[in-house]
Amino acid sequence: SISDSEQVQLSVPENASPGDLVELVRSAETWTAKFTRDRYSVASDQKNNLAVMADLAKTSSQAGLDAEAAAENLIAVAKEAGCFVSPKIKRGCVPPLNIPGLVAVEAIEEGEELIRVPSKFHITPPAVERAAPVLAEAARASSLPEQRRLEALHAFFVARLLADSQERAVSSEKASTSNAFNRWTATEDQKKVWEAYADTLLTEDFSYHPFRLAACSPEEMRGHLSPSQEAEYYIDMASDLMSLHDTMLRSSEAAGMPEQLEAEMFLRARMSAQTRVFQTCVDTTLVPVADLLNHSPTLTPGVLWSWDAKAEAMIVTAVRAHNAGEELFTTYGARSNMLLYRTYGFTLHPINEPSFTYIIRPHLVRPIMKIFLDDEDARPLILLETSHIDDSLCQVLNKVGKKGGNATEFLRLLCARSRWGYEQNENIRPALEALKRAREVNPGSHAWWEHIDDKHKDLVQQDAVRVIMSEYLCLTAHMEAADAADGRDDVPYLSSCEAWRKSVAKALGLCRTCGGFSISTANSAKSS
């Protein structure tokens, strides 16, 4: 043990620089040092380098913004503009998450309305087109496909608000209006709410988001996540965001717009959208105040949001009673740890993970794809989910069935080949051995975290391991679904996937007998 007066001596990496973070984590017998770079090490061309993504952690500290004060100001401004925010809630930080969220200051009853934000304060692509028609016209002139164009337009608008927010913070001219509104149109209430909202977005810390970590050190991210291919997705997305910014900037310059928006603000805007958007009548909707709620660390959120089409407002309502001092949790969706991490940058304890996910990348299983499919049909990614049968899986199984192939064997081979890399990887061997022990005790269990040895207990808390195990369990569940389709009763099945497994087994049976199947809205298999 180490007393308060003793010191710990660390060797600092040779390529470290001021601002880099070193964290010490103590396990049962050892200390582990985690090193996170504040910026990418080869920033020769900042505009076109992943270094810009790596710098997303430092903006709020440079601007001197107070995150809590910014959130409280947003709530006050929103209420003054006509939004409803219950006096029974406030910004706060309490267990179990101990990160800023919304907390009850008085007892809240089940069914009580807590937040109502009219659509005129939502930031959506259509709202941006109305507020900034010249910017919208510049986006339309780009070569981007429709959905990407709307993403870029939305991000450019939010980025401009962020840039103005930083300028106000640095110059301390809090009462000034955003420069953007000198060229864009909005009501006075919209301007005030959006400016206050931009102040809160500027305080967001993306230092632990996988896109930034991948930008800081691609090889380190690959090492942490091996044998998963998710690191490649993070790296690609970080580069893609830079490309999107460059395309939008060229289009605005061609349209004669004076905007010279820094890539860092554009990236911050896109990251804000990725981690905060709601689906209302528009897919990409930023809703001030409502997005201050954290995702429930369990499977039972205490509040839920809904879009009221008649009232044209986002409404947040308590679905159970809350005591004073209790944090209000919503849900970001029943997502696996793999999907939570790539979207929001966090994972849940595996005991609360609602489903498992794996994405089959065709180039990694090319020989199998070529046996069962034509080259053209063997290209798309295939999403495997244990919450439902995704359309990508439905389509590829139907193509195999219609060609007279064995869809069950096709799925089994894909998953076996993909799973092989995990079973050969030394980094996750302790977790896989723990899973084996769990299933020896209870064949239907996947509770690997309950059976891991003391030496490797820290693996349970690591985001990378949670992602990897989610993928491995997803592949295992799909192989078991193939066994179920073959009528095998001599193998164990994961009990948490029972209902889904029956649907997959039925779908595979229909591929064999009818040549294919279709998916109902309830995601149950039926004959096509």
Protein backbone atom coordinates (compact mmCIF):
# COMPACT_ATOMS: atom_id res chain seq x y z
CA SER A 1 0.00 0.00 0.00
CA ILE A 2 1.04 3.63 -0.42
CA SER A 3 0.62 6.24 2.30
CA ASP A 4 -0.33 9.87 1.72
CA SER A 5 3.26 11.03 2.16
CA GLU A 6 4.79 8.58 -0.34
CA GLN A 7 5.32 9.33 -4.02
CA VAL A 8 4.82 7.28 -7.16
CA GLN A 9 7.49 7.62 -9.83
CA LEU A 10 6.47 7.28 -13.48
CA SER A 11 8.48 7.14 -16.67
CA VAL A 12 6.93 9.65 -19.07
CA PRO A 13 6.77 8.50 -22.72
CA GLU A 14 9.35 10.17 -24.95
CA ASN A 15 6.69 11.66 -27.23
CA ALA A 16 4.62 13.15 -24.38
CA SER A 17 3.84 16.86 -24.38
CA PRO A 18 2.19 19.35 -22.00
CA GLY A 19 -1.54 18.64 -21.70
CA ASP A 20 -1.24 14.87 -22.09
CA LEU A 21 -3.07 12.84 -19.45
CA VAL A 22 -1.65 10.07 -17.26
CA GLU A 23 -4.12 8.10 -15.16
CA LEU A 24 -3.19 5.56 -12.49
CA VAL A 25 -5.55 2.65 -11.87
CA ARG A 26 -4.96 0.27 -9.00
CA SER A 27 -6.05 -3.38 -9.22
CA ALA A 28 -5.64 -6.07 -6.57
CA GLU A 29 -1.87 -6.42 -6.92
CA THR A 30 -0.62 -3.90 -9.46
CA TRP A 31 -0.86 -0.33 -10.69
CA THR A 32 -1.66 0.41 -14.34
CA ALA A 33 -0.80 3.71 -16.02
CA LYS A 34 -3.03 4.89 -18.87
CA PHE A 35 -1.52 7.52 -21.19
CA THR A 36 -3.79 9.71 -23.34
CA ARG A 37 -2.27 12.22 -25.76
CA ASP A 38 -3.72 15.72 -25.84
CA ARG A 39 -2.88 16.06 -29.51
CA TYR A 40 -1.82 13.84 -32.37
CA SER A 41 1.93 13.47 -32.68
CA VAL A 42 2.43 14.21 -36.39
CA ALA A 43 0.37 17.34 -36.94
CA SER A 44 2.26 18.58 -39.97
CA ASP A 45 -0.88 19.90 -41.70
CA GLN A 46 -3.49 20.65 -39.07
CA LYS A 47 -6.31 21.30 -41.50
CA ASN A 48 -6.03 17.90 -43.15
CA ASN A 49 -4.62 15.88 -40.28
CA LEU A 50 -6.32 13.88 -37.57
CA ALA A 51 -4.63 16.26 -35.12
CA VAL A 52 -7.65 18.52 -35.43
CA MET A 53 -9.84 15.75 -34.08
CA ALA A 54 -7.32 15.11 -31.32
CA ASP A 55 -7.64 18.73 -30.13
CA LEU A 56 -11.35 18.43 -29.33
CA ALA A 57 -10.62 18.03 -25.62
CA LYS A 58 -9.16 21.47 -25.00
CA THR A 59 -11.60 24.07 -26.37
CA SER A 60 -13.67 24.73 -23.25
CA SER A 61 -10.61 25.19 -21.03
CA GLN A 62 -9.10 27.65 -23.50
CA ALA A 63 -12.33 29.65 -23.60
CA GLY A 64 -12.61 29.63 -19.83
CA LEU A 65 -16.21 28.40 -19.83
CA ASP A 66 -17.98 27.04 -16.75
CA ALA A 67 -20.00 23.99 -17.80
CA GLU A 68 -22.44 24.16 -14.90
CA ALA A 69 -23.02 27.90 -15.27
CA ALA A 70 -23.58 27.48 -19.01
CA ALA A 71 -26.21 24.75 -18.42
CA GLU A 72 -28.02 26.78 -15.76
CA ASN A 73 -28.02 29.80 -18.06
CA LEU A 74 -29.46 27.70 -20.91
CA ILE A 75 -32.30 26.52 -18.68
CA ALA A 76 -33.06 30.10 -17.58
CA VAL A 77 -32.96 31.45 -21.15
CA ALA A 78 -35.12 28.58 -22.44
CA LYS A 79 -37.77 29.17 -19.77
CA GLU A 80 -37.83 32.89 -20.52
CA ALA A 81 -38.28 32.10 -24.24
CA GLY A 82 -41.35 29.90 -23.61
CA CYS A 83 -39.96 26.42 -22.93
CA PHE A 84 -41.17 24.57 -19.86
CA VAL A 85 -38.57 23.26 -17.46
CA SER A 86 -39.88 21.97 -14.14
CA PRO A 87 -38.66 23.87 -11.06
CA LYS A 88 -38.22 20.42 -9.50
CA ILE A 89 -35.10 19.68 -11.59
CA LYS A 90 -31.69 21.26 -11.95
CA ARG A 91 -28.25 20.54 -13.34
CA GLY A 92 -26.28 18.40 -10.92
CA CYS A 93 -23.77 15.62 -10.40
CA VAL A 94 -24.67 12.71 -8.08
CA PRO A 95 -24.00 8.95 -7.76
CA PRO A 96 -24.00 6.46 -9.38
CA LEU A 97 -22.53 8.12 -12.48
CA ASN A 98 -21.07 11.21 -10.79
CA ILE A 99 -21.13 13.10 -14.08
CA PRO A 100 -23.25 16.21 -14.86
CA GLY A 101 -26.90 15.45 -15.58
CA LEU A 102 -30.36 16.52 -14.40
CA VAL A 103 -31.25 15.93 -10.75
CA ALA A 104 -34.53 16.16 -8.83
CA VAL A 105 -34.54 18.90 -6.17
CA GLU A 106 -38.05 17.95 -5.02
CA ALA A 107 -40.07 14.75 -5.09
CA ILE A 108 -41.39 13.99 -8.60
CA GLU A 109 -44.52 11.93 -9.26
CA GLU A 110 -44.96 9.31 -11.96
CA GLY A 111 -46.44 10.87 -15.11
CA GLU A 112 -45.25 14.38 -14.26
CA GLU A 113 -44.16 16.51 -17.22
CA LEU A 114 -40.65 17.82 -16.67
CA ILE A 115 -39.52 19.44 -19.93
CA ARG A 116 -41.34 20.79 -22.98
CA VAL A 117 -39.30 22.35 -25.82
CA PRO A 118 -41.28 23.72 -28.81
CA SER A 119 -39.97 22.76 -32.25
CA LYS A 120 -39.04 26.36 -33.11
CA PHE A 121 -36.05 25.94 -30.77
CA HIS A 122 -34.92 22.63 -32.27
CA ILE A 123 -31.90 22.77 -34.55
CA THR A 124 -32.67 20.59 -37.58
CA PRO A 125 -31.57 20.67 -41.24
CA PRO A 126 -34.93 22.23 -42.30
CA ALA A 127 -34.57 24.85 -39.54
CA VAL A 128 -31.07 25.66 -40.78
CA GLU A 129 -32.34 26.00 -44.37
CA ARG A 130 -34.88 28.56 -43.16
CA ALA A 131 -32.44 30.45 -40.94
CA ALA A 132 -29.48 30.37 -43.36
CA PRO A 133 -30.76 30.12 -46.95
CA VAL A 134 -27.43 31.21 -48.46
CA LEU A 135 -25.61 28.51 -46.53
CA ALA A 136 -28.24 25.98 -47.61
CA GLU A 137 -27.76 26.98 -51.24
CA ALA A 138 -24.01 26.51 -50.90
CA ALA A 139 -24.57 23.04 -49.49
CA ARG A 140 -26.89 22.16 -52.37
CA ALA A 141 -24.13 23.14 -54.79
CA SER A 142 -21.77 20.59 -53.26
CA SER A 143 -21.21 17.11 -54.68
CA LEU A 144 -22.47 15.46 -51.50
CA PRO A 145 -25.38 12.99 -51.56
CA GLU A 146 -28.60 14.28 -50.01
CA GLN A 147 -28.21 12.80 -46.52
CA ARG A 148 -24.57 13.80 -46.28
CA ARG A 149 -25.40 17.29 -47.53
CA LEU A 150 -27.93 17.74 -44.74
CA GLU A 151 -25.43 16.47 -42.18
CA ALA A 152 -22.82 18.93 -43.42
CA LEU A 153 -25.29 21.83 -43.49
CA HIS A 154 -26.45 21.08 -39.97
CA ALA A 155 -22.87 20.79 -38.67
CA PHE A 156 -21.72 23.98 -40.40
CA PHE A 157 -24.54 25.97 -38.81
CA VAL A 158 -23.88 24.58 -35.31
CA ALA A 159 -20.13 25.07 -35.79
CA ARG A 160 -20.69 28.73 -36.56
CA LEU A 161 -22.67 29.08 -33.34
CA LEU A 162 -19.84 27.36 -31.47
CA ALA A 163 -17.19 29.62 -33.00
CA ASP A 164 -19.16 32.70 -31.98
CA SER A 165 -19.65 31.25 -28.51
CA GLN A 166 -15.91 30.83 -28.11
CA GLU A 167 -15.31 34.35 -29.40
CA ARG A 168 -17.77 35.77 -26.87
CA ALA A 169 -16.21 33.76 -24.05
CA VAL A 170 -12.66 34.79 -24.87
CA SER A 171 -13.55 38.47 -25.31
CA SER A 172 -15.98 38.41 -22.34
CA GLU A 173 -18.59 40.19 -24.48
CA LYS A 174 -21.39 38.02 -23.13
CA ALA A 175 -24.14 40.35 -24.25
CA SER A 176 -23.09 40.46 -27.87
CA THR A 177 -25.06 38.65 -30.57
CA SER A 178 -23.53 35.87 -32.65
CA ASN A 179 -21.84 37.11 -35.81
CA ALA A 180 -23.75 34.40 -37.63
CA PHE A 181 -27.04 36.16 -37.07
CA ASN A 182 -25.75 39.22 -38.89
CA ARG A 183 -26.23 37.10 -42.04
CA TRP A 184 -28.76 34.51 -40.87
CA THR A 185 -32.34 35.00 -39.79
CA ALA A 186 -34.04 33.86 -36.59
CA THR A 187 -36.41 35.29 -34.00
CA GLU A 188 -34.94 36.99 -30.96
CA ASP A 189 -36.00 34.07 -28.77
CA GLN A 190 -34.37 31.56 -31.13
CA LYS A 191 -31.15 33.56 -31.14
CA LYS A 192 -31.00 33.70 -27.35
CA VAL A 193 -31.74 29.98 -26.90
CA TRP A 194 -29.35 28.86 -29.63
CA GLU A 195 -26.55 31.07 -28.32
CA ALA A 196 -27.00 29.75 -24.77
CA TYR A 197 -27.16 26.22 -26.18
CA ALA A 198 -23.90 26.74 -28.09
CA ASP A 199 -22.25 27.77 -24.82
CA THR A 200 -23.19 24.40 -23.29
CA LEU A 201 -21.98 22.48 -26.36
CA LEU A 202 -18.64 24.25 -26.21
CA THR A 203 -18.07 22.85 -22.71
CA GLU A 204 -18.49 19.23 -23.87
CA ASP A 205 -15.42 17.08 -23.35
CA PHE A 206 -14.83 14.60 -26.18
CA SER A 207 -11.44 13.47 -24.89
CA TYR A 208 -12.64 9.90 -24.29
CA HIS A 209 -14.71 9.47 -27.43
CA PRO A 210 -13.24 6.69 -29.60
CA PHE A 211 -13.11 8.93 -32.68
CA ARG A 212 -10.74 11.28 -30.86
CA LEU A 213 -8.72 8.48 -29.28
CA ALA A 214 -8.34 6.89 -32.70
CA ALA A 215 -7.16 10.22 -34.10
CA CYS A 216 -4.64 10.62 -31.27
CA SER A 217 -3.11 7.21 -31.73
CA PRO A 218 -4.52 4.90 -34.42
CA GLU A 219 -2.11 2.07 -33.63
CA GLU A 220 -2.83 2.23 -29.92
CA MET A 221 -6.56 2.08 -30.60
CA ARG A 222 -6.07 -0.91 -32.89
CA GLY A 223 -4.10 -2.63 -30.15
CA HIS A 224 -6.73 -2.01 -27.47
CA LEU A 225 -9.56 -3.32 -29.63
CA SER A 226 -7.83 -6.23 -31.36
CA PRO A 227 -9.20 -8.53 -32.73
CA SER A 228 -12.27 -6.30 -33.24
CA GLN A 229 -12.37 -4.23 -36.43
CA GLU A 230 -14.10 -1.33 -34.68
CA ALA A 231 -10.85 0.65 -34.47
CA GLU A 232 -10.81 0.88 -38.27
CA TYR A 233 -14.32 2.33 -38.18
CA TYR A 234 -13.29 4.98 -35.64
CA ILE A 235 -10.23 5.94 -37.68
CA ASP A 236 -12.25 6.09 -40.89
CA MET A 237 -14.92 8.23 -39.25
CA ALA A 238 -12.37 10.69 -37.89
CA SER A 239 -10.91 11.10 -41.39
CA ASP A 240 -14.37 11.25 -42.95
CA LEU A 241 -15.36 14.17 -40.72
CA MET A 242 -12.35 16.11 -41.97
CA SER A 243 -13.32 15.36 -45.56
CA LEU A 244 -16.87 16.52 -44.93
CA HIS A 245 -15.60 19.81 -43.52
CA ASP A 246 -13.33 20.40 -46.52
CA THR A 247 -16.16 19.76 -48.98
CA MET A 248 -18.50 22.14 -47.18
CA LEU A 249 -15.83 24.81 -46.90
CA ARG A 250 -15.10 24.67 -50.63
CA SER A 251 -18.80 24.95 -51.41
CA SER A 252 -19.26 27.98 -49.16
CA GLU A 253 -16.22 29.67 -50.69
CA ALA A 254 -17.53 29.01 -54.20
CA ALA A 255 -20.85 30.58 -53.18
CA GLY A 256 -19.02 33.76 -52.10
CA MET A 257 -19.66 33.25 -48.39
CA PRO A 258 -17.15 34.91 -46.06
CA GLU A 259 -17.10 31.92 -43.70
CA GLN A 260 -13.66 30.59 -42.82
CA LEU A 261 -14.75 28.04 -40.27
CA GLU A 262 -12.03 26.14 -38.45
CA ALA A 263 -12.14 22.39 -38.81
CA GLU A 264 -12.03 21.96 -35.04
CA MET A 265 -15.40 23.71 -34.61
CA PHE A 266 -16.96 21.74 -37.45
CA LEU A 267 -15.79 18.48 -35.90
CA ARG A 268 -17.07 19.54 -32.49
CA ALA A 269 -20.45 20.29 -34.05
CA ARG A 270 -20.62 16.89 -35.74
CA MET A 271 -19.61 15.14 -32.54
CA SER A 272 -22.26 17.08 -30.65
CA ALA A 273 -24.85 15.94 -33.17
CA GLN A 274 -23.70 12.32 -33.03
CA THR A 275 -23.91 12.16 -29.25
CA ARG A 276 -27.02 14.32 -28.66
CA VAL A 277 -29.54 14.10 -31.52
CA PHE A 278 -33.14 12.98 -31.13
CA GLN A 279 -35.57 11.70 -33.74
CA THR A 280 -38.66 13.88 -33.90
CA CYS A 281 -40.39 14.59 -37.19
CA VAL A 282 -36.80 15.04 -38.43
CA ASP A 283 -34.05 12.45 -37.93
CA THR A 284 -31.30 14.91 -36.97
CA THR A 285 -32.74 17.08 -34.19
CA LEU A 286 -30.79 18.89 -31.50
CA VAL A 287 -33.11 19.80 -28.62
CA PRO A 288 -31.72 22.29 -26.08
CA VAL A 289 -32.21 21.34 -22.40
CA ALA A 290 -33.72 17.91 -23.17
CA ASP A 291 -30.29 16.59 -24.14
CA LEU A 292 -28.89 17.30 -20.67
CA LEU A 293 -30.31 13.94 -19.54
CA ASN A 294 -27.92 11.00 -19.16
CA HIS A 295 -28.47 7.45 -20.38
CA SER A 296 -29.64 5.07 -17.67
CA PRO A 297 -26.86 2.75 -16.41
CA THR A 298 -29.55 0.09 -15.88
CA LEU A 299 -32.35 -1.23 -18.07
CA THR A 300 -35.00 0.90 -16.30
CA PRO A 301 -34.91 4.63 -17.19
CA GLY A 302 -36.88 6.97 -14.95
CA VAL A 303 -37.92 9.47 -17.62
CA LEU A 304 -38.79 9.15 -21.30
CA TRP A 305 -38.98 11.67 -24.10
CA SER A 306 -41.59 11.82 -26.83
CA TRP A 307 -42.38 13.93 -29.86
CA ASP A 308 -45.86 15.47 -29.67
CA ALA A 309 -46.76 16.09 -33.31
CA LYS A 310 -49.93 17.99 -32.43
CA ALA A 311 -48.19 20.34 -30.00
CA GLU A 312 -45.02 20.36 -32.15
CA ALA A 313 -42.85 19.95 -29.08
CA MET A 314 -40.42 17.56 -27.45
CA ILE A 315 -41.78 16.45 -24.09
CA VAL A 316 -39.93 14.69 -21.27
CA THR A 317 -42.10 12.87 -18.71
CA ALA A 318 -41.32 10.91 -15.54
CA VAL A 319 -42.31 7.25 -15.88
CA ARG A 320 -41.78 6.58 -12.20
CA ALA A 321 -41.59 8.59 -8.98
CA HIS A 322 -38.26 10.18 -8.00
CA ASN A 323 -36.98 11.37 -4.65
CA ALA A 324 -35.19 14.66 -4.11
CA GLY A 325 -31.48 14.28 -4.89
CA GLU A 326 -32.03 11.47 -7.40
CA GLU A 327 -30.70 11.77 -10.94
CA LEU A 328 -33.18 11.58 -13.81
CA PHE A 329 -32.13 9.00 -16.38
CA THR A 330 -33.56 8.50 -19.85
CA THR A 331 -32.58 5.95 -22.49
CA TYR A 332 -30.56 6.49 -25.65
CA GLY A 333 -32.01 3.27 -27.00
CA ALA A 334 -31.56 -0.43 -26.24
CA ARG A 335 -28.09 -0.54 -27.76
CA SER A 336 -25.29 -3.02 -27.31
CA ASN A 337 -21.98 -1.88 -25.84
CA MET A 338 -20.47 -1.96 -29.31
CA LEU A 339 -23.05 0.54 -30.59
CA LEU A 340 -23.02 2.67 -27.43
CA TYR A 341 -19.27 3.08 -27.60
CA ARG A 342 -19.04 3.98 -31.30
CA THR A 343 -21.89 6.50 -30.92
CA TYR A 344 -21.54 8.04 -27.45
CA GLY A 345 -18.12 6.97 -26.20
CA PHE A 346 -19.24 4.94 -23.19
CA THR A 347 -20.36 1.41 -22.36
CA LEU A 348 -22.59 -0.19 -19.73
CA HIS A 349 -21.63 -2.85 -17.24
CA PRO A 350 -22.17 -6.12 -19.14
CA ILE A 351 -24.93 -7.17 -16.74
CA ASN A 352 -27.04 -4.31 -18.14
CA GLU A 353 -26.19 -4.77 -21.82
CA PRO A 354 -29.54 -5.42 -23.57
CA SER A 355 -28.21 -7.12 -26.71
CA PHE A 356 -25.06 -7.96 -28.67
CA THR A 357 -23.80 -6.64 -32.01
CA TYR A 358 -21.27 -7.63 -34.66
CA ILE A 359 -20.71 -6.25 -38.16
CA ILE A 360 -19.48 -8.68 -40.80
CA ARG A 361 -17.06 -6.97 -43.16
CA PRO A 362 -17.11 -8.96 -46.43
CA HIS A 363 -13.41 -8.56 -47.20
CA LEU A 364 -12.58 -10.53 -44.03
CA VAL A 365 -14.72 -13.51 -45.04
CA ARG A 366 -14.30 -13.26 -48.82
CA PRO A 367 -13.72 -16.98 -49.51
CA ILE A 368 -17.01 -17.92 -47.81
CA MET A 369 -18.92 -15.13 -49.54
CA LYS A 370 -17.62 -16.26 -52.95
CA ILE A 371 -18.82 -19.82 -52.39
CA PHE A 372 -22.42 -18.81 -51.69
CA LEU A 373 -22.90 -15.50 -53.54
CA ASP A 374 -22.12 -13.67 -56.77
CA ASP A 375 -19.46 -10.98 -56.48
CA GLU A 376 -22.02 -8.16 -56.61
CA ASP A 377 -24.05 -9.67 -53.76
CA ALA A 378 -20.98 -10.27 -51.59
CA ARG A 379 -20.05 -6.62 -51.02
CA PRO A 380 -22.40 -5.03 -48.45
CA LEU A 381 -21.74 -5.04 -44.72
CA ILE A 382 -23.93 -7.41 -42.72
CA LEU A 383 -25.24 -6.25 -39.34
CA LEU A 384 -25.75 -9.02 -36.79
CA GLU A 385 -27.95 -8.06 -33.84
CA THR A 386 -29.43 -10.22 -31.08
CA SER A 387 -32.33 -7.79 -30.57
CA HIS A 388 -33.74 -8.28 -34.07
CA ILE A 389 -33.00 -9.58 -37.55
CA ASP A 390 -31.50 -6.69 -39.45
CA ASP A 391 -32.50 -6.10 -43.06
CA SER A 392 -28.89 -6.56 -44.23
CA LEU A 393 -28.90 -10.11 -42.83
CA CYS A 394 -32.35 -10.79 -44.25
CA GLN A 395 -31.25 -9.74 -47.74
CA VAL A 396 -28.05 -11.79 -47.82
CA LEU A 397 -29.72 -14.93 -46.44
CA ASN A 398 -32.48 -14.59 -49.04
CA LYS A 399 -29.89 -14.27 -51.83
CA VAL A 400 -28.18 -17.43 -50.63
CA GLY A 401 -31.54 -19.23 -50.42
CA LYS A 402 -32.68 -18.10 -53.85
CA LYS A 403 -29.43 -19.41 -55.35
CA GLY A 404 -30.20 -22.80 -53.82
CA GLY A 405 -27.52 -22.46 -51.14
CA ASN A 406 -27.71 -23.54 -47.52
CA ALA A 407 -28.36 -20.30 -45.64
CA THR A 408 -27.89 -22.00 -42.27
CA GLU A 409 -24.44 -23.29 -43.15
CA PHE A 410 -23.57 -19.93 -44.72
CA LEU A 411 -24.38 -18.09 -41.48
CA ARG A 412 -22.56 -20.68 -39.37
CA LEU A 413 -19.40 -20.45 -41.49
CA LEU A 414 -19.40 -16.64 -41.49
CA CYS A 415 -19.66 -16.52 -37.71
CA ALA A 416 -17.18 -19.33 -37.08
CA ARG A 417 -14.58 -17.67 -39.29
CA SER A 418 -15.17 -14.28 -37.66
CA ARG A 419 -15.08 -15.74 -34.13
CA TRP A 420 -11.82 -17.62 -34.73
CA GLY A 421 -9.72 -14.45 -34.43
CA TYR A 422 -11.16 -13.72 -31.00
CA GLU A 423 -10.34 -17.18 -29.72
CA GLN A 424 -6.71 -16.80 -30.83
CA ASN A 425 -6.24 -13.42 -29.16
CA GLU A 426 -4.27 -13.45 -25.90
CA ASN A 427 -5.60 -10.07 -24.73
CA ILE A 428 -9.12 -11.33 -24.17
CA ARG A 429 -8.31 -14.92 -23.27
CA PRO A 430 -9.07 -14.29 -19.55
CA ALA A 431 -12.55 -13.02 -20.46
CA LEU A 432 -13.22 -15.95 -22.78
CA GLU A 433 -12.05 -18.40 -20.14
CA ALA A 434 -14.39 -16.68 -17.68
CA LEU A 435 -17.26 -17.10 -20.15
CA LYS A 436 -16.41 -20.79 -20.44
CA ARG A 437 -16.54 -21.15 -16.65
CA ALA A 438 -19.87 -19.31 -16.52
CA ARG A 439 -21.39 -21.70 -19.06
CA GLU A 440 -20.02 -24.73 -17.25
CA VAL A 441 -21.98 -23.61 -14.19
CA ASN A 442 -25.04 -22.56 -16.21
CA PRO A 443 -25.02 -23.45 -19.94
CA GLY A 444 -27.41 -20.58 -20.74
CA SER A 445 -25.34 -17.92 -18.96
CA HIS A 446 -23.14 -15.30 -20.57
CA ALA A 447 -22.06 -13.73 -17.22
CA TRP A 448 -18.32 -13.82 -17.91
CA TRP A 449 -17.76 -10.89 -15.52
CA GLU A 450 -18.90 -13.04 -12.57
CA HIS A 451 -16.29 -15.74 -13.20
CA ILE A 452 -13.20 -13.77 -14.14
CA ASP A 453 -10.17 -14.37 -11.92
CA ASP A 454 -8.99 -11.70 -9.47
CA LYS A 455 -5.88 -10.95 -11.51
CA HIS A 456 -8.00 -9.78 -14.46
CA LYS A 457 -10.96 -8.15 -12.67
CA ASP A 458 -10.05 -4.80 -14.21
CA LEU A 459 -11.01 -6.14 -17.67
CA VAL A 460 -14.68 -5.93 -16.71
CA GLN A 461 -14.41 -2.13 -16.47
CA GLN A 462 -12.59 -1.61 -19.77
CA ASP A 463 -14.66 -0.24 -22.65
CA ALA A 464 -12.57 -2.08 -25.23
CA VAL A 465 -13.11 -5.46 -23.55
CA ARG A 466 -16.84 -4.82 -23.22
CA VAL A 467 -17.02 -4.05 -26.95
CA ILE A 468 -15.01 -7.14 -27.86
CA MET A 469 -17.10 -9.42 -25.66
CA SER A 470 -20.32 -7.99 -27.11
CA GLU A 471 -19.09 -8.93 -30.58
CA TYR A 472 -17.95 -12.39 -29.49
CA LEU A 473 -21.28 -13.14 -27.80
CA CYS A 474 -23.15 -11.93 -30.88
CA LEU A 475 -21.23 -14.33 -33.10
CA THR A 476 -21.78 -17.13 -30.58
CA ALA A 477 -25.53 -16.43 -30.48
CA HIS A 478 -25.79 -16.55 -34.28
CA MET A 479 -23.92 -19.86 -34.43
CA GLU A 480 -26.33 -21.21 -31.83
CA ALA A 481 -29.25 -19.94 -33.92
CA ALA A 482 -27.88 -21.98 -36.83
CA ASP A 483 -27.71 -25.02 -34.54
CA ALA A 484 -31.30 -24.39 -33.48
CA ALA A 485 -32.36 -24.20 -37.14
CA ASP A 486 -30.82 -27.65 -37.63
CA GLY A 487 -32.86 -28.94 -34.69
CA ARG A 488 -29.90 -29.70 -32.47
CA ASP A 489 -30.76 -30.30 -28.82
CA ASP A 490 -27.31 -31.45 -27.73
CA VAL A 491 -25.76 -27.97 -27.53
CA PRO A 492 -26.23 -25.17 -24.97
CA TYR A 493 -28.03 -21.96 -25.93
CA LEU A 494 -27.71 -18.46 -24.45
CA SER A 495 -30.91 -17.94 -22.48
CA SER A 496 -30.91 -14.15 -22.94
CA CYS A 497 -31.32 -14.63 -26.72
CA GLU A 498 -34.12 -17.22 -26.69
CA ALA A 499 -36.95 -15.27 -28.38
CA TRP A 500 -34.63 -13.80 -31.01
CA ARG A 501 -33.00 -17.20 -31.64
CA LYS A 502 -36.39 -18.75 -32.42
CA SER A 503 -37.04 -16.04 -35.02
CA VAL A 504 -33.65 -16.60 -36.67
CA ALA A 505 -34.11 -20.37 -36.65
CA LYS A 506 -37.53 -19.96 -38.27
CA ALA A 507 -36.08 -17.58 -40.87
CA LEU A 508 -33.33 -20.05 -41.73
CA GLY A 509 -35.93 -22.80 -42.01
CA LEU A 510 -37.93 -20.70 -44.46
CA CYS A 511 -34.79 -20.12 -46.53
CA ARG A 512 -34.45 -23.89 -46.77
CA THR A 513 -38.10 -24.68 -47.56
CA CYS A 514 -39.29 -21.54 -49.39
CA GLY A 515 -36.08 -19.96 -50.66
CA GLY A 516 -36.44 -16.88 -48.47
CA PHE A 517 -38.33 -14.92 -45.83
CA SER A 518 -39.42 -11.37 -44.97
CA ILE A 519 -39.31 -9.39 -41.74
CA SER A 520 -42.47 -7.99 -40.13
CA THR A 521 -42.43 -4.81 -38.10
CA ALA A 522 -42.18 -6.99 -35.00
CA ASN A 523 -39.08 -8.58 -36.54
CA SER A 524 -40.52 -12.08 -36.49
CA ALA A 525 -39.81 -14.36 -39.43
CA LYS A 526 -42.59 -15.22 -41.87
CA SER A 527 -42.77 -16.75 -45.32
CA SER A 528 -42.10 -14.41 -48.23
